[in-house]
C-alpha atoms as a PDB file:
ATOM      1  CA  MET A   1     -21.539 -21.045 -13.046  1.00  0.00           C
ATOM      2  CA  LEU A   2     -20.117 -20.768  -9.527  1.00  0.00           C
ATOM      3  CA  ASP A   3     -16.545 -19.610  -8.932  1.00  0.00           C
ATOM      4  CA  ASN A   4     -14.023 -21.894  -7.242  1.00  0.00           C
ATOM      5  CA  ILE A   5     -13.869 -21.865  -3.463  1.00  0.00           C
ATOM      6  CA  ILE A   6     -10.638 -23.131  -1.934  1.00  0.00           C
ATOM      7  CA  GLU A   7      -9.217 -23.217   1.575  1.00  0.00           C
ATOM      8  CA  ILE A   8      -5.935 -21.464   2.333  1.00  0.00           C
ATOM      9  CA  HIS A   9      -4.427 -20.968   5.793  1.00  0.00           C
ATOM     10  CA  GLY A  10      -7.711 -22.119   7.305  1.00  0.00           C
ATOM     11  CA  LYS A  11      -9.741 -19.491   5.425  1.00  0.00           C
ATOM     12  CA  LYS A  12     -12.295 -20.063   2.677  1.00  0.00           C
ATOM     13  CA  VAL A  13     -11.296 -18.120  -0.434  1.00  0.00           C
ATOM     14  CA  VAL A  14     -13.445 -17.588  -3.509  1.00  0.00           C
ATOM     15  CA  LEU A  15     -11.600 -16.946  -6.778  1.00  0.00           C
ATOM     16  CA  LEU A  16     -13.813 -14.464  -8.571  1.00  0.00           C
ATOM     17  CA  GLU A  17     -13.980 -14.878 -12.324  1.00  0.00           C
ATOM     18  CA  HIS A  18     -17.491 -15.732 -13.552  1.00  0.00           C
ATOM     19  CA  ALA A  19     -19.029 -13.363 -10.993  1.00  0.00           C
ATOM     20  CA  ILE A  20     -16.969 -10.534 -12.464  1.00  0.00           C
ATOM     21  CA  THR A  21     -17.799 -11.435 -16.055  1.00  0.00           C
ATOM     22  CA  ASN A  22     -21.518 -11.447 -15.228  1.00  0.00           C
ATOM     23  CA  ASN A  23     -21.284  -8.595 -12.688  1.00  0.00           C
ATOM     24  CA  LEU A  24     -23.081 -10.661 -10.053  1.00  0.00           C
ATOM     25  CA  LEU A  25     -22.177 -10.452  -6.381  1.00  0.00           C
ATOM     26  CA  PRO A  26     -21.663 -13.890  -4.782  1.00  0.00           C
ATOM     27  CA  ASP A  27     -23.190 -14.965  -1.498  1.00  0.00           C
ATOM     28  CA  PRO A  28     -20.942 -13.262   1.100  1.00  0.00           C
ATOM     29  CA  SER A  29     -21.434 -16.132   3.560  1.00  0.00           C
ATOM     30  CA  LEU A  30     -19.659 -18.666   1.321  1.00  0.00           C
ATOM     31  CA  ALA A  31     -16.111 -17.392   1.894  1.00  0.00           C
ATOM     32  CA  ASP A  32     -13.967 -15.356   4.278  1.00  0.00           C
ATOM     33  CA  VAL A  33     -11.958 -13.695   1.514  1.00  0.00           C
ATOM     34  CA  TRP A  34     -12.610 -12.731  -2.095  1.00  0.00           C
ATOM     35  CA  VAL A  35      -9.743 -12.789  -4.602  1.00  0.00           C
ATOM     36  CA  ILE A  36     -10.013 -11.266  -8.060  1.00  0.00           C
ATOM     37  CA  ASN A  37      -9.213 -13.893 -10.692  1.00  0.00           C
ATOM     38  CA  HIS A  38     -10.085 -11.911 -13.839  1.00  0.00           C
ATOM     39  CA  ASN A  39      -7.768 -10.218 -16.327  1.00  0.00           C
ATOM     40  CA  ASP A  40     -10.057  -7.507 -17.740  1.00  0.00           C
ATOM     41  CA  PRO A  41      -9.423  -4.277 -15.787  1.00  0.00           C
ATOM     42  CA  LYS A  42     -12.681  -2.657 -16.979  1.00  0.00           C
ATOM     43  CA  LEU A  43     -14.800  -5.547 -15.741  1.00  0.00           C
ATOM     44  CA  VAL A  44     -12.821  -5.728 -12.497  1.00  0.00           C
ATOM     45  CA  LYS A  45     -13.374  -2.007 -11.917  1.00  0.00           C
ATOM     46  CA  ARG A  46     -17.107  -2.365 -12.616  1.00  0.00           C
ATOM     47  CA  PHE A  47     -17.307  -5.252 -10.139  1.00  0.00           C
ATOM     48  CA  LEU A  48     -15.370  -3.423  -7.407  1.00  0.00           C
ATOM     49  CA  TYR A  49     -17.696  -0.442  -7.816  1.00  0.00           C
ATOM     50  CA  LYS A  50     -20.640  -2.768  -7.353  1.00  0.00           C
ATOM     51  CA  ILE A  51     -19.126  -4.081  -4.132  1.00  0.00           C
ATOM     52  CA  ILE A  52     -18.514  -0.577  -2.778  1.00  0.00           C
ATOM     53  CA  ARG A  53     -22.070   0.526  -3.661  1.00  0.00           C
ATOM     54  CA  SER A  54     -23.647  -2.481  -1.973  1.00  0.00           C
ATOM     55  CA  GLU A  55     -25.891  -1.750   1.007  1.00  0.00           C
ATOM     56  CA  ASP A  56     -24.893  -5.063   2.614  1.00  0.00           C
ATOM     57  CA  ILE A  57     -22.061  -4.636   5.154  1.00  0.00           C
ATOM     58  CA  ARG A  58     -21.031  -8.268   4.502  1.00  0.00           C
ATOM     59  CA  ILE A  59     -20.230  -7.240   0.929  1.00  0.00           C
ATOM     60  CA  ASN A  60     -18.970  -3.652   1.058  1.00  0.00           C
ATOM     61  CA  LEU A  61     -16.566  -4.487   3.900  1.00  0.00           C
ATOM     62  CA  LYS A  62     -15.561  -7.939   2.606  1.00  0.00           C
ATOM     63  CA  PRO A  63     -11.751  -8.412   2.422  1.00  0.00           C
ATOM     64  CA  ILE A  64     -11.008  -8.476  -1.297  1.00  0.00           C
ATOM     65  CA  PHE A  65      -7.576  -8.856  -2.853  1.00  0.00           C
ATOM     66  CA  LEU A  66      -6.045  -8.584  -6.310  1.00  0.00           C
ATOM     67  CA  GLN A  67      -3.456 -11.040  -7.614  1.00  0.00           C
ATOM     68  CA  LYS A  68      -0.024  -9.524  -8.158  1.00  0.00           C
ATOM     69  CA  GLU A  69       0.472 -11.804 -11.164  1.00  0.00           C
ATOM     70  CA  LEU A  70      -2.225  -9.798 -12.993  1.00  0.00           C
ATOM     71  CA  LYS A  71      -0.805  -6.369 -12.144  1.00  0.00           C
ATOM     72  CA  LYS A  72       0.962  -5.992 -15.508  1.00  0.00           C
ATOM     73  CA  VAL A  73      -2.207  -7.017 -17.337  1.00  0.00           C
ATOM     74  CA  TYR A  74      -4.107  -4.250 -15.536  1.00  0.00           C
ATOM     75  CA  SER A  75      -1.406  -1.800 -16.673  1.00  0.00           C
ATOM     76  CA  LEU A  76      -2.520   1.826 -16.170  1.00  0.00           C
ATOM     77  CA  SER A  77      -5.510   0.679 -14.096  1.00  0.00           C
ATOM     78  CA  SER A  78      -3.412  -1.199 -11.529  1.00  0.00           C
ATOM     79  CA  ASP A  79      -3.187   1.650  -9.004  1.00  0.00           C
ATOM     80  CA  LEU A  80      -6.879   2.507  -9.373  1.00  0.00           C
ATOM     81  CA  LEU A  81      -7.908  -1.091  -8.750  1.00  0.00           C
ATOM     82  CA  LYS A  82      -5.595  -1.253  -5.754  1.00  0.00           C
ATOM     83  CA  SER A  83      -7.294   1.801  -4.226  1.00  0.00           C
ATOM     84  CA  LEU A  84     -10.695   0.103  -4.634  1.00  0.00           C
ATOM     85  CA  SER A  85      -9.598  -3.116  -2.910  1.00  0.00           C
ATOM     86  CA  ASP A  86      -7.355  -4.374  -0.131  1.00  0.00           C
ATOM     87  CA  GLY A  87      -4.346  -4.445  -2.432  1.00  0.00           C
ATOM     88  CA  TYR A  88      -2.257  -7.120  -4.119  1.00  0.00           C
ATOM     89  CA  ILE A  89      -1.169 -10.557  -2.894  1.00  0.00           C
ATOM     90  CA  LYS A  90       1.337 -12.871  -4.573  1.00  0.00           C
ATOM     91  CA  TRP A  91       0.598 -16.499  -5.396  1.00  0.00           C
ATOM     92  CA  LEU A  92      -2.444 -16.453  -3.081  1.00  0.00           C
ATOM     93  CA  ASN A  93      -0.078 -16.130  -0.135  1.00  0.00           C
ATOM     94  CA  PHE A  94      -1.812 -13.999   2.470  1.00  0.00           C
ATOM     95  CA  ILE A  95      -0.643 -15.689   5.669  1.00  0.00           C
ATOM     96  CA  ASP A  96       0.577 -12.301   6.932  1.00  0.00           C
ATOM     97  CA  LYS A  97      -2.919 -10.913   6.227  1.00  0.00           C
ATOM     98  CA  ILE A  98      -4.739 -13.399   8.500  1.00  0.00           C
ATOM     99  CA  PRO A  99      -5.011 -11.047  11.538  1.00  0.00           C
ATOM    100  CA  TYR A 100      -6.157  -8.266   9.176  1.00  0.00           C
ATOM    101  CA  ILE A 101      -8.832 -10.512   7.618  1.00  0.00           C
ATOM    102  CA  GLU A 102     -10.034 -11.824  10.979  1.00  0.00           C
ATOM    103  CA  THR A 103     -10.366  -8.295  12.405  1.00  0.00           C
ATOM    104  CA  ILE A 104     -12.530  -7.225   9.443  1.00  0.00           C
ATOM    105  CA  ASN A 105     -14.713 -10.345   9.495  1.00  0.00           C
ATOM    106  CA  ASN A 106     -15.220 -10.128  13.262  1.00  0.00           C
ATOM    107  CA  PHE A 107     -16.364  -6.523  12.821  1.00  0.00           C
ATOM    108  CA  ILE A 108     -18.769  -7.542  10.031  1.00  0.00           C
ATOM    109  CA  GLU A 109     -20.245 -10.362  12.115  1.00  0.00           C
ATOM    110  CA  LYS A 110     -20.761  -8.064  15.093  1.00  0.00           C
ATOM    111  CA  ASN A 111     -22.300  -5.192  13.109  1.00  0.00           C
ATOM    112  CA  GLN A 112     -24.022  -6.804  10.115  1.00  0.00           C
ATOM    113  CA  TYR A 113     -27.557  -5.873  11.208  1.00  0.00           C
ATOM    114  CA  LYS A 114     -26.876  -2.245  12.095  1.00  0.00           C
ATOM    115  CA  TYR A 115     -27.257  -1.102   8.475  1.00  0.00           C
ATOM    116  CA  ASP A 116     -30.969  -1.913   8.750  1.00  0.00           C
ATOM    117  CA  ASP A 117     -31.638   1.241  10.769  1.00  0.00           C
ATOM    118  CA  PHE A 118     -30.427   3.657   8.098  1.00  0.00           C
ATOM    119  CA  ASP A 119     -32.044   5.425   5.181  1.00  0.00           C
ATOM    120  CA  LYS A 120     -29.774   3.996   2.470  1.00  0.00           C
ATOM    121  CA  THR A 121     -29.882   7.265   0.472  1.00  0.00           C
ATOM    122  CA  SER A 122     -28.942   9.534   3.390  1.00  0.00           C
ATOM    123  CA  ASP A 123     -25.655  11.332   3.946  1.00  0.00           C
ATOM    124  CA  GLU A 124     -25.569   9.693   7.384  1.00  0.00           C
ATOM    125  CA  PHE A 125     -25.514   6.243   5.762  1.00  0.00           C
ATOM    126  CA  TYR A 126     -22.657   7.185   3.407  1.00  0.00           C
ATOM    127  CA  THR A 127     -20.690   8.644   6.322  1.00  0.00           C
ATOM    128  CA  PHE A 128     -21.368   5.445   8.269  1.00  0.00           C
ATOM    129  CA  LYS A 129     -19.896   3.398   5.390  1.00  0.00           C
ATOM    130  CA  ILE A 130     -16.825   5.642   5.182  1.00  0.00           C
ATOM    131  CA  LEU A 131     -16.075   5.483   8.905  1.00  0.00           C
ATOM    132  CA  ASN A 132     -16.606   1.710   9.045  1.00  0.00           C
ATOM    133  CA  TYR A 133     -14.329   1.007   6.089  1.00  0.00           C
ATOM    134  CA  TYR A 134     -11.393   3.145   7.215  1.00  0.00           C
ATOM    135  CA  TYR A 135     -11.814   1.940  10.807  1.00  0.00           C
ATOM    136  CA  THR A 136     -11.587  -1.718   9.787  1.00  0.00           C
ATOM    137  CA  ARG A 137      -8.679  -1.056   7.400  1.00  0.00           C
ATOM    138  CA  LYS A 138      -6.788   1.169   9.851  1.00  0.00           C
ATOM    139  CA  LYS A 139      -6.108   3.538   6.959  1.00  0.00           C
ATOM    140  CA  ASN A 140      -6.261   7.273   6.423  1.00  0.00           C
ATOM    141  CA  ILE A 141      -8.352   8.767   3.632  1.00  0.00           C
ATOM    142  CA  VAL A 142      -5.704   9.916   1.167  1.00  0.00           C
ATOM    143  CA  PRO A 143      -6.490  11.666  -2.144  1.00  0.00           C
ATOM    144  CA  ASN A 144      -5.094   9.873  -5.184  1.00  0.00           C
ATOM    145  CA  ILE A 145      -3.552  11.762  -8.091  1.00  0.00           C
ATOM    146  CA  ASN A 146      -5.880  11.027 -10.981  1.00  0.00           C
ATOM    147  CA  ARG A 147      -5.678  12.769 -14.346  1.00  0.00           C
ATOM    148  CA  LYS A 148      -9.212  11.604 -15.174  1.00  0.00           C
ATOM    149  CA  SER A 149     -10.628  13.377 -12.124  1.00  0.00           C
ATOM    150  CA  LEU A 150     -12.197  16.829 -12.532  1.00  0.00           C
ATOM    151  CA  THR A 151      -9.598  18.317 -10.200  1.00  0.00           C
ATOM    152  CA  GLY A 152      -6.630  16.006 -10.727  1.00  0.00           C
ATOM    153  CA  TYR A 153      -7.227  14.396  -7.323  1.00  0.00           C
ATOM    154  CA  SER A 154      -9.803  11.825  -6.296  1.00  0.00           C
ATOM    155  CA  TYR A 155     -10.975  10.113  -3.137  1.00  0.00           C
ATOM    156  CA  THR A 156     -11.370   6.981  -5.211  1.00  0.00           C
ATOM    157  CA  ARG A 157     -13.312   4.677  -2.929  1.00  0.00           C
ATOM    158  CA  ILE A 158     -15.688   7.387  -1.683  1.00  0.00           C
ATOM    159  CA  GLU A 159     -16.334   8.733  -5.178  1.00  0.00           C
ATOM    160  CA  ALA A 160     -17.225   5.187  -6.221  1.00  0.00           C
ATOM    161  CA  PHE A 161     -20.445   5.488  -4.171  1.00  0.00           C
ATOM    162  CA  PHE A 162     -21.884   7.679  -6.938  1.00  0.00           C
ATOM    163  CA  GLU A 163     -22.489   6.856 -10.605  1.00  0.00           C
ATOM    164  CA  ASN A 164     -22.585  10.452 -11.858  1.00  0.00           C
ATOM    165  CA  LYS A 165     -19.135  12.030 -12.268  1.00  0.00           C
ATOM    166  CA  ASN A 166     -20.201  15.428 -10.941  1.00  0.00           C
ATOM    167  CA  ASP A 167     -21.956  13.827  -7.949  1.00  0.00           C
ATOM    168  CA  ALA A 168     -18.812  11.808  -7.281  1.00  0.00           C
ATOM    169  CA  TYR A 169     -16.816  15.015  -7.017  1.00  0.00           C
ATOM    170  CA  THR A 170     -19.220  17.252  -5.118  1.00  0.00           C
ATOM    171  CA  LYS A 171     -20.829  14.727  -2.774  1.00  0.00           C
ATOM    172  CA  SER A 172     -17.612  12.959  -1.775  1.00  0.00           C
ATOM    173  CA  ARG A 173     -16.046  16.251  -0.709  1.00  0.00           C
ATOM    174  CA  MET A 174     -19.228  17.353   1.016  1.00  0.00           C
ATOM    175  CA  LEU A 175     -19.321  14.128   3.033  1.00  0.00           C
ATOM    176  CA  LEU A 176     -15.692  14.511   4.074  1.00  0.00           C
ATOM    177  CA  ARG A 177     -16.149  18.164   4.976  1.00  0.00           C
ATOM    178  CA  GLU A 178     -19.257  17.451   7.055  1.00  0.00           C
ATOM    179  CA  ALA A 179     -17.494  14.621   8.868  1.00  0.00           C
ATOM    180  CA  PHE A 180     -14.577  16.966   9.569  1.00  0.00           C
ATOM    181  CA  LEU A 181     -16.845  19.749  10.841  1.00  0.00           C
ATOM    182  CA  GLY A 182     -18.708  17.214  12.980  1.00  0.00           C
ATOM    183  CA  GLY A 183     -15.468  16.056  14.576  1.00  0.00           C
ATOM    184  CA  SER A 184     -15.452  12.503  13.177  1.00  0.00           C
ATOM    185  CA  LEU A 185     -12.455  13.211  10.949  1.00  0.00           C
ATOM    186  CA  ALA A 186      -9.315  15.326  11.265  1.00  0.00           C
ATOM    187  CA  ARG A 187      -7.627  16.646   8.140  1.00  0.00           C
ATOM    188  CA  ASN A 188      -4.131  17.495   6.931  1.00  0.00           C
ATOM    189  CA  TYR A 189      -3.227  19.767   4.022  1.00  0.00           C
ATOM    190  CA  VAL A 190      -1.932  18.032   0.876  1.00  0.00           C
ATOM    191  CA  ASP A 191      -2.135  20.477  -2.052  1.00  0.00           C
ATOM    192  CA  THR A 192      -4.013  23.376  -3.660  1.00  0.00           C
ATOM    193  CA  SER A 193      -6.030  23.046  -6.878  1.00  0.00           C
ATOM    194  CA  HIS A 194      -7.086  25.861  -9.205  1.00  0.00           C
ATOM    195  CA  LEU A 195     -10.360  25.103 -10.940  1.00  0.00           C
ATOM    196  CA  CYS A 196     -12.497  26.543 -13.723  1.00  0.00           C
ATOM    197  CA  LYS A 197     -14.981  29.118 -12.433  1.00  0.00           C
ATOM    198  CA  ASN A 198     -17.717  27.600 -14.598  1.00  0.00           C
ATOM    199  CA  CYS A 199     -17.431  23.785 -14.414  1.00  0.00           C
ATOM    200  CA  HIS A 200     -14.859  23.290 -11.620  1.00  0.00           C
ATOM    201  CA  SER A 201     -12.535  21.328 -13.904  1.00  0.00           C
ATOM    202  CA  GLY A 202      -8.805  21.338 -13.222  1.00  0.00           C
ATOM    203  CA  PHE A 203      -8.004  20.627 -16.897  1.00  0.00           C
ATOM    204  CA  LEU A 204      -6.808  24.143 -17.690  1.00  0.00           C
ATOM    205  CA  ASN A 205      -4.501  25.643 -20.298  1.00  0.00           C
ATOM    206  CA  PHE A 206      -2.567  28.742 -19.218  1.00  0.00           C
ATOM    207  CA  ARG A 207      -1.358  30.971 -22.079  1.00  0.00           C
ATOM    208  CA  GLU A 208      -0.150  34.513 -22.727  1.00  0.00           C
ATOM    209  CA  VAL A 209      -2.687  36.705 -24.520  1.00  0.00           C
ATOM    210  CA  CYS A 210      -2.787  40.056 -26.253  1.00  0.00           C
ATOM    211  CA  PRO A 211      -4.001  42.722 -23.781  1.00  0.00           C
ATOM    212  CA  LYS A 212      -5.827  44.511 -26.612  1.00  0.00           C
ATOM    213  CA  CYS A 213      -7.779  41.746 -28.373  1.00  0.00           C
ATOM    214  CA  THR A 214      -7.106  38.668 -26.100  1.00  0.00           C
ATOM    215  CA  ASN A 215      -5.743  36.657 -29.046  1.00  0.00           C
ATOM    216  CA  HIS A 216      -3.232  34.049 -27.893  1.00  0.00           C
ATOM    217  CA  ASN A 217      -1.373  33.583 -31.185  1.00  0.00           C
ATOM    218  CA  LEU A 218       1.666  35.687 -30.311  1.00  0.00           C
ATOM    219  CA  LYS A 219       5.155  36.044 -31.728  1.00  0.00           C
ATOM    220  CA  VAL A 220       7.874  36.535 -29.142  1.00  0.00           C
ATOM    221  CA  ARG A 221      11.150  38.393 -29.686  1.00  0.00           C
ATOM    222  CA  ASN A 222      13.997  38.994 -27.259  1.00  0.00           C
ATOM    223  CA  LEU A 223      15.089  42.568 -26.667  1.00  0.00           C
ATOM    224  CA  ILE A 224      18.792  43.447 -26.828  1.00  0.00           C
ATOM    225  CA  HIS A 225      20.308  46.402 -25.018  1.00  0.00           C
ATOM    226  CA  HIS A 226      23.703  47.645 -26.331  1.00  0.00           C
ATOM    227  CA  PHE A 227      25.634  49.070 -23.378  1.00  0.00           C
ATOM    228  CA  ARG A 228      27.904  51.485 -25.278  1.00  0.00           C
ATOM    229  CA  CYS A 229      25.247  53.490 -27.152  1.00  0.00           C
ATOM    230  CA  ALA A 230      22.239  52.497 -25.019  1.00  0.00           C
ATOM    231  CA  TYR A 231      20.240  51.346 -28.046  1.00  0.00           C
ATOM    232  CA  VAL A 232      17.443  48.840 -27.338  1.00  0.00           C
ATOM    233  CA  GLY A 233      15.795  46.811 -30.100  1.00  0.00           C
ATOM    234  CA  ILE A 234      14.532  43.359 -31.028  1.00  0.00           C
ATOM    235  CA  ASP A 235      17.082  40.593 -31.590  1.00  0.00           C
ATOM    236  CA  LYS A 236      16.495  40.191 -35.346  1.00  0.00           C
ATOM    237  CA  ASP A 237      17.598  43.808 -35.951  1.00  0.00           C
ATOM    238  CA  PHE A 238      21.015  42.998 -34.474  1.00  0.00           C
ATOM    239  CA  VAL A 239      21.724  40.032 -36.765  1.00  0.00           C
ATOM    240  CA  LEU A 240      24.383  40.778 -39.366  1.00  0.00           C
ATOM    241  CA  LYS A 241      25.227  37.629 -41.319  1.00  0.00           C
ATOM    242  CA  ASP A 242      26.746  35.278 -38.708  1.00  0.00           C
ATOM    243  CA  LYS A 243      27.326  37.839 -35.956  1.00  0.00           C
ATOM    244  CA  LEU A 244      25.541  40.462 -33.863  1.00  0.00           C
ATOM    245  CA  ALA A 245      26.032  44.169 -34.588  1.00  0.00           C
ATOM    246  CA  CYS A 246      24.278  47.231 -33.207  1.00  0.00           C
ATOM    247  CA  PRO A 247      21.934  48.720 -35.869  1.00  0.00           C
ATOM    248  CA  LYS A 248      22.521  52.190 -34.377  1.00  0.00           C
ATOM    249  CA  CYS A 249      26.328  52.431 -34.061  1.00  0.00           C
ATOM    250  CA  SER A 250      27.417  49.330 -36.030  1.00  0.00           C
ATOM    251  CA  SER A 251      29.600  48.020 -33.183  1.00  0.00           C
ATOM    252  CA  GLU A 252      29.948  44.257 -33.026  1.00  0.00           C
ATOM    253  CA  LEU A 253      28.417  42.615 -29.953  1.00  0.00           C
ATOM    254  CA  LYS A 254      30.566  39.732 -28.819  1.00  0.00           C
ATOM    255  CA  ASN A 255      29.931  38.948 -25.188  1.00  0.00           C
ATOM    256  CA  LEU A 256      26.600  38.806 -23.375  1.00  0.00           C
ATOM    257  CA  GLY A 257      26.902  40.703 -20.117  1.00  0.00           C
ATOM    258  CA  VAL A 258      29.925  42.671 -21.373  1.00  0.00           C
ATOM    259  CA  ASP A 259      28.758  44.261 -24.627  1.00  0.00           C
ATOM    260  CA  TYR A 260      25.023  43.783 -24.231  1.00  0.00           C
ATOM    261  CA  ASP A 261      22.242  42.183 -22.224  1.00  0.00           C
ATOM    262  CA  LYS A 262      18.720  40.911 -22.870  1.00  0.00           C
ATOM    263  CA  PRO A 263      16.409  42.956 -20.668  1.00  0.00           C
ATOM    264  CA  GLY A 264      13.182  41.305 -21.696  1.00  0.00           C
ATOM    265  CA  LYS A 265      10.871  40.257 -24.486  1.00  0.00           C
ATOM    266  CA  ILE A 266       8.461  41.954 -26.808  1.00  0.00           C
ATOM    267  CA  PHE A 267       5.293  40.321 -28.073  1.00  0.00           C
ATOM    268  CA  LEU A 268       3.580  40.813 -31.427  1.00  0.00           C
ATOM    269  CA  CYS A 269      -0.088  39.884 -31.741  1.00  0.00           C
ATOM    270  CA  LYS A 270      -0.547  37.893 -34.957  1.00  0.00           C
ATOM    271  CA  ASN A 271      -4.204  38.817 -35.276  1.00  0.00           C
ATOM    272  CA  LYS A 272      -4.083  40.770 -38.561  1.00  0.00           C
ATOM    273  CA  LYS A 273      -6.768  43.136 -37.319  1.00  0.00           C
ATOM    274  CA  CYS A 274      -4.713  43.971 -34.247  1.00  0.00           C
ATOM    275  CA  ASN A 275      -0.905  43.669 -34.738  1.00  0.00           C
ATOM    276  CA  HIS A 276      -0.406  45.122 -31.259  1.00  0.00           C
ATOM    277  CA  GLU A 277       3.142  45.164 -29.856  1.00  0.00           C
ATOM    278  CA  PHE A 278       3.630  44.971 -26.103  1.00  0.00           C
ATOM    279  CA  GLN A 279       6.102  43.864 -23.442  1.00  0.00           C
ATOM    280  CA  ASP A 280       3.892  42.643 -20.605  1.00  0.00           C
ATOM    281  CA  ALA A 281       1.629  39.804 -21.700  1.00  0.00           C
ATOM    282  CA  PRO A 282      -1.226  38.955 -19.328  1.00  0.00           C
ATOM    283  CA  VAL A 283      -2.010  35.277 -18.779  1.00  0.00           C
ATOM    284  CA  GLY A 284      -5.369  33.906 -19.863  1.00  0.00           C
ATOM    285  CA  VAL A 285      -6.801  30.575 -18.741  1.00  0.00           C
ATOM    286  CA  HIS A 286      -8.718  28.295 -21.094  1.00  0.00           C
ATOM    287  CA  CYS A 287     -10.830  25.479 -19.653  1.00  0.00           C
ATOM    288  CA  VAL A 288     -10.357  22.452 -21.873  1.00  0.00           C
ATOM    289  CA  ASP A 289     -13.605  20.858 -20.655  1.00  0.00           C
ATOM    290  CA  CYS A 290     -16.153  23.689 -21.001  1.00  0.00           C
ATOM    291  CA  LYS A 291     -14.120  26.145 -23.171  1.00  0.00           C
ATOM    292  CA  THR A 292     -14.579  29.048 -20.732  1.00  0.00           C
ATOM    293  CA  GLU A 293     -11.969  31.804 -20.984  1.00  0.00           C
ATOM    294  CA  GLN A 294     -10.976  33.423 -17.694  1.00  0.00           C
ATOM    295  CA  SER A 295      -8.158  35.186 -15.903  1.00  0.00           C
ATOM    296  CA  PRO A 296      -6.092  33.472 -13.175  1.00  0.00           C
ATOM    297  CA  ASP A 297      -7.730  35.549 -10.435  1.00  0.00           C
ATOM    298  CA  GLU A 298     -11.163  34.239 -11.488  1.00  0.00           C
ATOM    299  CA  LEU A 299     -10.226  30.604 -10.851  1.00  0.00           C
ATOM    300  CA  ILE A 300     -11.725  28.747  -7.908  1.00  0.00           C
ATOM    301  CA  VAL A 301      -9.077  27.811  -5.358  1.00  0.00           C
ATOM    302  CA  LYS A 302      -9.629  24.545  -3.487  1.00  0.00           C
ATOM    303  CA  LYS A 303      -7.497  23.005  -0.776  1.00  0.00           C
ATOM    304  CA  ILE A 304      -6.866  19.254  -0.980  1.00  0.00           C
ATOM    305  CA  TYR A 305      -6.781  17.351   2.302  1.00  0.00           C
ATOM    306  CA  ALA A 306      -6.069  13.887   3.645  1.00  0.00           C
ATOM    307  CA  TYR A 307      -8.330  12.724   6.475  1.00  0.00           C
ATOM    308  CA  GLU A 308      -8.086  10.417   9.464  1.00  0.00           C
ATOM    309  CA  LEU A 309     -10.528   9.186  12.076  1.00  0.00           C
ATOM    310  CA  THR A 310     -10.510  11.112  15.335  1.00  0.00           C
ATOM    311  CA  ASN A 311     -11.186   9.637  18.778  1.00  0.00           C
ATOM    312  CA  LEU A 312     -14.802  10.710  18.272  1.00  0.00           C
ATOM    313  CA  GLY A 313     -14.850   8.932  14.905  1.00  0.00           C
ATOM    314  CA  TYR A 314     -13.547   5.721  16.487  1.00  0.00           C
ATOM    315  CA  GLN A 315     -16.105   6.036  19.263  1.00  0.00           C
ATOM    316  CA  GLN A 316     -18.939   6.491  16.748  1.00  0.00           C
ATOM    317  CA  VAL A 317     -17.938   3.289  14.965  1.00  0.00           C
ATOM    318  CA  ILE A 318     -17.564   1.248  18.148  1.00  0.00           C
ATOM    319  CA  GLU A 319     -20.806   2.469  19.713  1.00  0.00           C
ATOM    320  CA  GLN A 320     -22.924   2.551  16.545  1.00  0.00           C
END
């Protein structure tokens, strides 16, 4: 069954519903604009990925919008879907988008046969797709915060080129780095990620561990220092019914900072074979994904960047 094609503001618009259900790309020549008309975020995501992975410039650069009325239905996926499309429109009103749509479609018409010269599995082809998309959209390549990503950040549209999760991470960053080193892209620092030394995941749990046996089941006690007699001990030894009293000289401790202070903590390892007491607890890092235990200085440090086309990048697109 074909999806409805309507005319709005002089542009042919296809309302995509059956195509999304069946995961079939429509003929790109039938409409100027594609609008998502489906309420299942999983199927919409699958369909948008198919568009992005297409080797046909008329498809992977096609202006495609989401309907704002469905944003609540998409719930937690709404931002992800937005990053894979040209964003949301309300009540099919995109009159302010007409120049944007015409610029993209003019570019597609002018360049639609230039994909034929590429090896569709080459890094050069993927870079070509990246430069073309961000040139036509006049956007920078900005990493999205994504808790499902290996590192917590994702270059959503570029990662969508690849089906394998690890390929999506490694190859997307390789492509961006190569384009930066080649002068097609400039970059600006955004953040720093600390990643597992084994699997490069950013899903890490930092916890204090016993320096003797590395157990992380520790009991923590505050230390109390009585000024008058200089006695130092753990807080429980100072408790006398409903007040604090020094176990050495029996003086009552009333005011923190006047009678006593709390100079630190002491840890007790609850491993029955260890029972080690210590003041300085080293931090261990547990990778939730691959279970590797490591110290903070063993983590891989990666810089996160946003990218933008340089003059050379623009020139490469125009002269391609």
